[in-house]
C-alpha atoms as a PDB file:
ATOM      1  CA  MET A   1     -20.110 -20.695   2.165  1.00  0.00           C
ATOM      2  CA  ASN A   2     -21.557 -17.754   0.289  1.00  0.00           C
ATOM      3  CA  SER A   3     -23.317 -18.873  -2.886  1.00  0.00           C
ATOM      4  CA  LEU A   4     -22.702 -15.425  -4.412  1.00  0.00           C
ATOM      5  CA  LYS A   5     -18.965 -16.019  -4.380  1.00  0.00           C
ATOM      6  CA  LYS A   6     -18.652 -19.491  -5.871  1.00  0.00           C
ATOM      7  CA  GLU A   7     -20.206 -21.833  -8.338  1.00  0.00           C
ATOM      8  CA  ARG A   8     -19.734 -25.455  -9.311  1.00  0.00           C
ATOM      9  CA  VAL A   9     -18.114 -26.200 -12.647  1.00  0.00           C
ATOM     10  CA  GLY A  10     -17.895 -29.875 -13.513  1.00  0.00           C
ATOM     11  CA  GLY A  11     -18.422 -30.781  -9.878  1.00  0.00           C
ATOM     12  CA  GLN A  12     -15.611 -28.442  -8.729  1.00  0.00           C
ATOM     13  CA  ILE A  13     -16.006 -25.178  -6.848  1.00  0.00           C
ATOM     14  CA  ALA A  14     -14.802 -22.238  -8.926  1.00  0.00           C
ATOM     15  CA  CYS A  15     -14.835 -18.451  -8.757  1.00  0.00           C
ATOM     16  CA  ALA A  16     -18.202 -16.989  -9.730  1.00  0.00           C
ATOM     17  CA  ARG A  17     -16.608 -13.639 -10.699  1.00  0.00           C
ATOM     18  CA  CYS A  18     -18.799 -11.706  -8.305  1.00  0.00           C
ATOM     19  CA  GLY A  19     -16.070  -9.074  -7.948  1.00  0.00           C
ATOM     20  CA  ILE A  20     -16.295  -8.797  -4.163  1.00  0.00           C
ATOM     21  CA  CYS A  21     -12.592  -9.562  -3.616  1.00  0.00           C
ATOM     22  CA  CYS A  22     -11.486  -7.050  -6.250  1.00  0.00           C
ATOM     23  CA  GLU A  23     -13.843  -4.403  -4.886  1.00  0.00           C
ATOM     24  CA  LYS A  24     -12.091  -4.624  -1.500  1.00  0.00           C
ATOM     25  CA  GLY A  25      -8.733  -3.513  -2.888  1.00  0.00           C
ATOM     26  CA  GLY A  26      -5.620  -4.668  -4.695  1.00  0.00           C
ATOM     27  CA  PRO A  27      -3.273  -7.490  -3.694  1.00  0.00           C
ATOM     28  CA  ALA A  28       0.131  -7.272  -2.007  1.00  0.00           C
ATOM     29  CA  PHE A  29       3.264  -8.481  -3.814  1.00  0.00           C
ATOM     30  CA  HIS A  30       5.620 -11.329  -2.950  1.00  0.00           C
ATOM     31  CA  GLY A  31       9.051 -12.373  -4.155  1.00  0.00           C
ATOM     32  CA  CYS A  32       7.713 -14.512  -6.980  1.00  0.00           C
ATOM     33  CA  ASP A  33       5.862 -11.454  -8.345  1.00  0.00           C
ATOM     34  CA  ARG A  34       9.060  -9.503  -8.905  1.00  0.00           C
ATOM     35  CA  PRO A  35       9.310 -10.287 -12.658  1.00  0.00           C
ATOM     36  CA  ILE A  36       5.853  -8.776 -13.204  1.00  0.00           C
ATOM     37  CA  LEU A  37       7.079  -5.446 -11.843  1.00  0.00           C
ATOM     38  CA  GLU A  38      10.565  -5.527 -13.328  1.00  0.00           C
ATOM     39  CA  SER A  39       9.113  -6.169 -16.777  1.00  0.00           C
ATOM     40  CA  GLY A  40       6.776  -3.186 -16.448  1.00  0.00           C
ATOM     41  CA  ARG A  41       3.684  -5.308 -16.998  1.00  0.00           C
ATOM     42  CA  ILE A  42       2.500  -3.694 -13.781  1.00  0.00           C
ATOM     43  CA  ALA A  43       4.205  -0.324 -13.298  1.00  0.00           C
ATOM     44  CA  LEU A  44       5.640   1.008 -10.041  1.00  0.00           C
ATOM     45  CA  ALA A  45       3.329   3.996 -10.492  1.00  0.00           C
ATOM     46  CA  ASP A  46       0.424   1.554 -10.092  1.00  0.00           C
ATOM     47  CA  LEU A  47       1.590   0.663  -6.571  1.00  0.00           C
ATOM     48  CA  TYR A  48       1.617   2.164  -3.126  1.00  0.00           C
ATOM     49  CA  THR A  49       3.630   1.149  -0.074  1.00  0.00           C
ATOM     50  CA  LEU A  50       2.340   0.406   3.374  1.00  0.00           C
ATOM     51  CA  ARG A  51       5.520   1.218   5.295  1.00  0.00           C
ATOM     52  CA  LYS A  52       6.933  -0.769   8.204  1.00  0.00           C
ATOM     53  CA  GLY A  53       5.115   0.171  11.409  1.00  0.00           C
ATOM     54  CA  GLU A  54       2.194   1.796   9.606  1.00  0.00           C
ATOM     55  CA  PRO A  55      -1.242   1.145  11.125  1.00  0.00           C
ATOM     56  CA  VAL A  56      -3.039  -1.184   8.725  1.00  0.00           C
ATOM     57  CA  PHE A  57      -6.047  -3.472   8.649  1.00  0.00           C
ATOM     58  CA  ASP A  58      -5.050  -7.122   8.328  1.00  0.00           C
ATOM     59  CA  ASN A  59      -7.684  -8.648   6.021  1.00  0.00           C
ATOM     60  CA  VAL A  60      -6.690 -12.237   6.818  1.00  0.00           C
ATOM     61  CA  ALA A  61      -6.605 -11.813  10.606  1.00  0.00           C
ATOM     62  CA  ASN A  62      -9.524  -9.346  10.393  1.00  0.00           C
ATOM     63  CA  ARG A  63      -7.983  -6.869  12.836  1.00  0.00           C
ATOM     64  CA  LEU A  64      -6.051  -3.621  13.044  1.00  0.00           C
ATOM     65  CA  ASP A  65      -2.310  -4.179  13.171  1.00  0.00           C
ATOM     66  CA  THR A  66       0.974  -2.551  12.207  1.00  0.00           C
ATOM     67  CA  ALA A  67       2.808  -3.513   9.042  1.00  0.00           C
ATOM     68  CA  PRO A  68       5.771  -5.747  10.018  1.00  0.00           C
ATOM     69  CA  THR A  69       7.642  -4.862   6.807  1.00  0.00           C
ATOM     70  CA  ASP A  70       7.015  -2.862   3.674  1.00  0.00           C
ATOM     71  CA  ILE A  71       3.883  -4.118   1.941  1.00  0.00           C
ATOM     72  CA  LEU A  72       3.605  -3.214  -1.737  1.00  0.00           C
ATOM     73  CA  LYS A  73       0.037  -3.139  -3.027  1.00  0.00           C
ATOM     74  CA  ILE A  74      -1.807  -2.216  -6.207  1.00  0.00           C
ATOM     75  CA  ARG A  75      -3.517   1.154  -5.954  1.00  0.00           C
ATOM     76  CA  SER A  76      -7.254   1.516  -5.635  1.00  0.00           C
ATOM     77  CA  VAL A  77      -9.441   3.446  -8.025  1.00  0.00           C
ATOM     78  CA  ASN A  78      -9.775   7.073  -6.962  1.00  0.00           C
ATOM     79  CA  GLY A  79     -12.571   7.520  -4.470  1.00  0.00           C
ATOM     80  CA  VAL A  80     -13.338   3.821  -3.998  1.00  0.00           C
ATOM     81  CA  SER A  81     -11.539   0.777  -2.606  1.00  0.00           C
ATOM     82  CA  ALA A  82     -11.620  -1.350  -5.779  1.00  0.00           C
ATOM     83  CA  CYS A  83      -8.349  -2.541  -7.311  1.00  0.00           C
ATOM     84  CA  LEU A  84      -7.062  -0.276 -10.066  1.00  0.00           C
ATOM     85  CA  PHE A  85      -7.246  -3.106 -12.598  1.00  0.00           C
ATOM     86  CA  TYR A  86     -10.733  -4.298 -11.739  1.00  0.00           C
ATOM     87  CA  GLN A  87     -13.056  -3.672 -14.680  1.00  0.00           C
ATOM     88  CA  ARG A  88     -16.459  -3.301 -13.101  1.00  0.00           C
ATOM     89  CA  ALA A  89     -18.414  -3.299 -16.370  1.00  0.00           C
ATOM     90  CA  ASP A  90     -17.794  -7.001 -16.993  1.00  0.00           C
ATOM     91  CA  ARG A  91     -16.245  -7.895 -13.615  1.00  0.00           C
ATOM     92  CA  SER A  92     -12.932  -8.819 -15.191  1.00  0.00           C
ATOM     93  CA  CYS A  93      -9.264  -8.152 -14.468  1.00  0.00           C
ATOM     94  CA  GLY A  94      -7.174  -5.900 -16.696  1.00  0.00           C
ATOM     95  CA  VAL A  95      -3.951  -7.769 -15.832  1.00  0.00           C
ATOM     96  CA  TYR A  96      -5.344 -11.264 -15.405  1.00  0.00           C
ATOM     97  CA  ALA A  97      -2.497 -12.996 -17.274  1.00  0.00           C
ATOM     98  CA  ASP A  98       0.007 -11.182 -15.049  1.00  0.00           C
ATOM     99  CA  ARG A  99      -1.941 -11.169 -11.801  1.00  0.00           C
ATOM    100  CA  PRO A 100       0.128 -11.443  -8.604  1.00  0.00           C
ATOM    101  CA  LEU A 101       0.381 -14.506  -6.378  1.00  0.00           C
ATOM    102  CA  GLU A 102      -2.320 -13.375  -3.937  1.00  0.00           C
ATOM    103  CA  CYS A 103      -4.847 -13.118  -6.769  1.00  0.00           C
ATOM    104  CA  ARG A 104      -3.887 -16.567  -8.032  1.00  0.00           C
ATOM    105  CA  VAL A 105      -4.253 -18.325  -4.675  1.00  0.00           C
ATOM    106  CA  LEU A 106      -7.270 -16.430  -3.359  1.00  0.00           C
ATOM    107  CA  GLU A 107     -10.388 -18.545  -2.964  1.00  0.00           C
ATOM    108  CA  CYS A 108     -12.886 -16.627  -0.856  1.00  0.00           C
ATOM    109  CA  TRP A 109     -14.664 -19.835   0.122  1.00  0.00           C
ATOM    110  CA  ASN A 110     -11.375 -21.459   1.222  1.00  0.00           C
ATOM    111  CA  PRO A 111      -9.034 -18.957   2.966  1.00  0.00           C
ATOM    112  CA  GLU A 112      -6.242 -21.440   3.747  1.00  0.00           C
ATOM    113  CA  GLY A 113      -4.395 -20.784   0.486  1.00  0.00           C
ATOM    114  CA  MET A 114      -4.193 -17.045   1.085  1.00  0.00           C
ATOM    115  CA  ALA A 115      -3.323 -17.490   4.760  1.00  0.00           C
ATOM    116  CA  ALA A 116      -0.370 -19.707   3.802  1.00  0.00           C
ATOM    117  CA  VAL A 117       1.303 -17.072   1.614  1.00  0.00           C
ATOM    118  CA  TYR A 118      -0.001 -13.837   3.111  1.00  0.00           C
ATOM    119  CA  GLN A 119       3.055 -12.923   5.200  1.00  0.00           C
ATOM    120  CA  ALA A 120       5.643 -15.005   3.348  1.00  0.00           C
ATOM    121  CA  ASP A 121       8.454 -13.454   1.279  1.00  0.00           C
ATOM    122  CA  ARG A 122       6.829 -10.065   0.916  1.00  0.00           C
ATOM    123  CA  LEU A 123       8.378  -7.848  -1.732  1.00  0.00           C
ATOM    124  CA  GLU A 124       9.798  -4.567  -0.389  1.00  0.00           C
ATOM    125  CA  ARG A 125      10.888  -1.277  -1.920  1.00  0.00           C
ATOM    126  CA  LYS A 126      14.560  -2.148  -1.466  1.00  0.00           C
ATOM    127  CA  ASP A 127      14.105  -5.269  -3.623  1.00  0.00           C
ATOM    128  CA  LEU A 128      13.151  -3.071  -6.558  1.00  0.00           C
ATOM    129  CA  ILE A 129      15.116   0.165  -6.208  1.00  0.00           C
ATOM    130  CA  SER A 130      18.141  -0.417  -3.938  1.00  0.00           C
ATOM    131  CA  GLY A 131      20.181  -0.772  -7.136  1.00  0.00           C
ATOM    132  CA  LEU A 132      19.457   2.914  -7.877  1.00  0.00           C
ATOM    133  CA  PRO A 133      21.674   4.504  -5.199  1.00  0.00           C
ATOM    134  CA  ASP A 134      20.532   8.126  -5.473  1.00  0.00           C
ATOM    135  CA  LEU A 135      16.854   7.202  -5.349  1.00  0.00           C
ATOM    136  CA  TRP A 136      17.316   4.628  -2.609  1.00  0.00           C
ATOM    137  CA  GLU A 137      19.267   7.077  -0.438  1.00  0.00           C
ATOM    138  CA  MET A 138      16.389   9.524  -0.745  1.00  0.00           C
ATOM    139  CA  VAL A 139      13.939   6.839   0.368  1.00  0.00           C
ATOM    140  CA  LEU A 140      16.171   5.953   3.344  1.00  0.00           C
ATOM    141  CA  ALA A 141      16.488   9.622   4.328  1.00  0.00           C
ATOM    142  CA  HIS A 142      12.688   9.960   4.222  1.00  0.00           C
ATOM    143  CA  GLU A 143      12.311   6.802   6.286  1.00  0.00           C
ATOM    144  CA  GLU A 144      14.694   8.090   8.954  1.00  0.00           C
ATOM    145  CA  VAL A 145      12.618  11.227   9.514  1.00  0.00           C
ATOM    146  CA  CYS A 146       9.165   9.779   8.822  1.00  0.00           C
ATOM    147  CA  ALA A 147       9.420   6.264  10.275  1.00  0.00           C
ATOM    148  CA  TYR A 148       6.141   5.231  11.884  1.00  0.00           C
ATOM    149  CA  ALA A 149       7.918   3.926  14.986  1.00  0.00           C
ATOM    150  CA  ARG A 150       9.295   7.421  15.522  1.00  0.00           C
ATOM    151  CA  LEU A 151       6.078   9.259  14.739  1.00  0.00           C
ATOM    152  CA  SER A 152       3.775   6.980  16.724  1.00  0.00           C
ATOM    153  CA  GLN A 153       5.984   7.455  19.797  1.00  0.00           C
ATOM    154  CA  ALA A 154       5.967  11.207  19.229  1.00  0.00           C
ATOM    155  CA  VAL A 155       2.163  11.235  19.041  1.00  0.00           C
ATOM    156  CA  LYS A 156       1.970   9.158  22.223  1.00  0.00           C
ATOM    157  CA  GLU A 157       4.270  11.616  24.013  1.00  0.00           C
ATOM    158  CA  LYS A 158       2.522  14.644  22.439  1.00  0.00           C
ATOM    159  CA  ASN A 159       5.850  15.652  20.962  1.00  0.00           C
ATOM    160  CA  TRP A 160       4.214  17.803  18.319  1.00  0.00           C
ATOM    161  CA  GLU A 161       7.466  19.336  17.138  1.00  0.00           C
ATOM    162  CA  THR A 162       8.696  15.941  15.927  1.00  0.00           C
ATOM    163  CA  VAL A 163       5.341  15.142  14.338  1.00  0.00           C
ATOM    164  CA  ALA A 164       5.170  18.527  12.608  1.00  0.00           C
ATOM    165  CA  TYR A 165       8.709  18.167  11.274  1.00  0.00           C
ATOM    166  CA  GLY A 166       7.842  14.752   9.822  1.00  0.00           C
ATOM    167  CA  ILE A 167       4.712  16.095   8.122  1.00  0.00           C
ATOM    168  CA  ARG A 168       6.565  19.018   6.585  1.00  0.00           C
ATOM    169  CA  TYR A 169       9.537  16.877   5.531  1.00  0.00           C
ATOM    170  CA  ASP A 170       7.223  14.381   3.833  1.00  0.00           C
ATOM    171  CA  PHE A 171       5.491  17.189   1.948  1.00  0.00           C
ATOM    172  CA  GLN A 172       8.703  18.930   0.906  1.00  0.00           C
ATOM    173  CA  VAL A 173      10.366  15.760  -0.408  1.00  0.00           C
ATOM    174  CA  ARG A 174       7.433  15.122  -2.709  1.00  0.00           C
ATOM    175  CA  ARG A 175       7.332  18.745  -3.865  1.00  0.00           C
ATOM    176  CA  LEU A 176      11.057  18.974  -4.579  1.00  0.00           C
ATOM    177  CA  MET A 177      11.116  15.727  -6.528  1.00  0.00           C
ATOM    178  CA  VAL A 178       8.585  17.211  -8.924  1.00  0.00           C
ATOM    179  CA  GLU A 179      10.118  20.680  -9.137  1.00  0.00           C
ATOM    180  CA  LYS A 180      13.801  19.693  -9.284  1.00  0.00           C
ATOM    181  CA  GLY A 181      13.754  16.036 -10.225  1.00  0.00           C
ATOM    182  CA  ASN A 182      10.938  16.146 -12.802  1.00  0.00           C
ATOM    183  CA  MET A 183       9.616  12.942 -11.285  1.00  0.00           C
ATOM    184  CA  ASP A 184       6.159  11.572 -12.014  1.00  0.00           C
ATOM    185  CA  ASP A 185       4.197  12.239  -8.817  1.00  0.00           C
ATOM    186  CA  ARG A 186       2.343   8.962  -9.309  1.00  0.00           C
ATOM    187  CA  LEU A 187       5.515   7.242  -8.030  1.00  0.00           C
ATOM    188  CA  PHE A 188       5.476   8.969  -4.662  1.00  0.00           C
ATOM    189  CA  ASP A 189       3.054   6.630  -2.906  1.00  0.00           C
ATOM    190  CA  PHE A 190       5.310   3.739  -3.884  1.00  0.00           C
ATOM    191  CA  LEU A 191       8.548   5.497  -2.909  1.00  0.00           C
ATOM    192  CA  PHE A 192       7.393   7.189   0.304  1.00  0.00           C
ATOM    193  CA  GLY A 193       4.082   5.563   1.174  1.00  0.00           C
ATOM    194  CA  MET A 194       0.845   7.449   1.541  1.00  0.00           C
ATOM    195  CA  PRO A 195       1.188  11.107   2.629  1.00  0.00           C
ATOM    196  CA  LEU A 196       1.476  11.599   6.389  1.00  0.00           C
ATOM    197  CA  THR A 197      -1.348  14.127   6.177  1.00  0.00           C
ATOM    198  CA  VAL A 198      -3.548  11.086   5.458  1.00  0.00           C
ATOM    199  CA  THR A 199      -2.028   8.305   7.544  1.00  0.00           C
ATOM    200  CA  LEU A 200      -1.517  10.241  10.789  1.00  0.00           C
ATOM    201  CA  GLN A 201      -5.279  10.466  11.116  1.00  0.00           C
ATOM    202  CA  ARG A 202      -5.118   6.789  12.077  1.00  0.00           C
ATOM    203  CA  TYR A 203      -3.482   7.889  15.349  1.00  0.00           C
ATOM    204  CA  GLY A 204      -6.494   9.983  16.219  1.00  0.00           C
ATOM    205  CA  LEU A 205      -5.184  13.306  14.905  1.00  0.00           C
ATOM    206  CA  SER A 206      -7.804  15.438  13.189  1.00  0.00           C
ATOM    207  CA  PRO A 207      -7.285  16.882   9.701  1.00  0.00           C
ATOM    208  CA  GLN A 208      -7.235  20.340  11.304  1.00  0.00           C
ATOM    209  CA  GLN A 209      -4.488  19.362  13.770  1.00  0.00           C
ATOM    210  CA  ILE A 210      -2.413  17.929  10.952  1.00  0.00           C
ATOM    211  CA  HIS A 211      -2.955  20.979   8.765  1.00  0.00           C
ATOM    212  CA  THR A 212      -1.918  23.279  11.607  1.00  0.00           C
ATOM    213  CA  MET A 213       1.348  21.388  12.031  1.00  0.00           C
ATOM    214  CA  ALA A 214       1.889  21.184   8.265  1.00  0.00           C
ATOM    215  CA  VAL A 215       1.826  24.973   7.904  1.00  0.00           C
ATOM    216  CA  GLY A 216       4.271  25.415  10.769  1.00  0.00           C
ATOM    217  CA  LYS A 217       2.144  25.987  13.839  1.00  0.00           C
ATOM    218  CA  ASN A 218       2.530  23.432  16.601  1.00  0.00           C
ATOM    219  CA  SER A 219      -0.632  21.950  18.060  1.00  0.00           C
END
């Protein structure tokens, strides 16, 4: 066990507030965390979605994988991986009283607690916004065109027309929701996941290839 990550308090092992866990990124949300989001104590604009089928790194299994469902996570601080609510100056949490389940069960010296809940009852976008029909229909329409199962197959087959259409559709949806819907663009990574111009690089496409397709020229 790493002595930097734990300390003994009254004979019991406790968190030493080293900040390593928080520096690695924000937690994912589960069903029991729903009241935190519905109350606004953590805002939807503070989240991003790893969409079903998206290439992701599984921190518990320590391997690259694909997301089996939506995974809703707290954003990172711009330019670094640290959780948005991690306060580096005193290594504290800005939402400690309302921290999600994964933060409450995480013990870096004893991973069993996290492993037990990690894939259980994950909260999805539909749990939070399916009651808003117009918005939910827009998310479903985006998912139909930009689903990772569809795009990963297109990349494998070098079907650049399908990939290019997905990139442009993803961009246009975000643009139109600002211009015509007056929507806060901080919500987009929750509603539609990270931009395809970013995530498609995980399939080995270069930024230049993606840009070429985004502006309407097939690779």
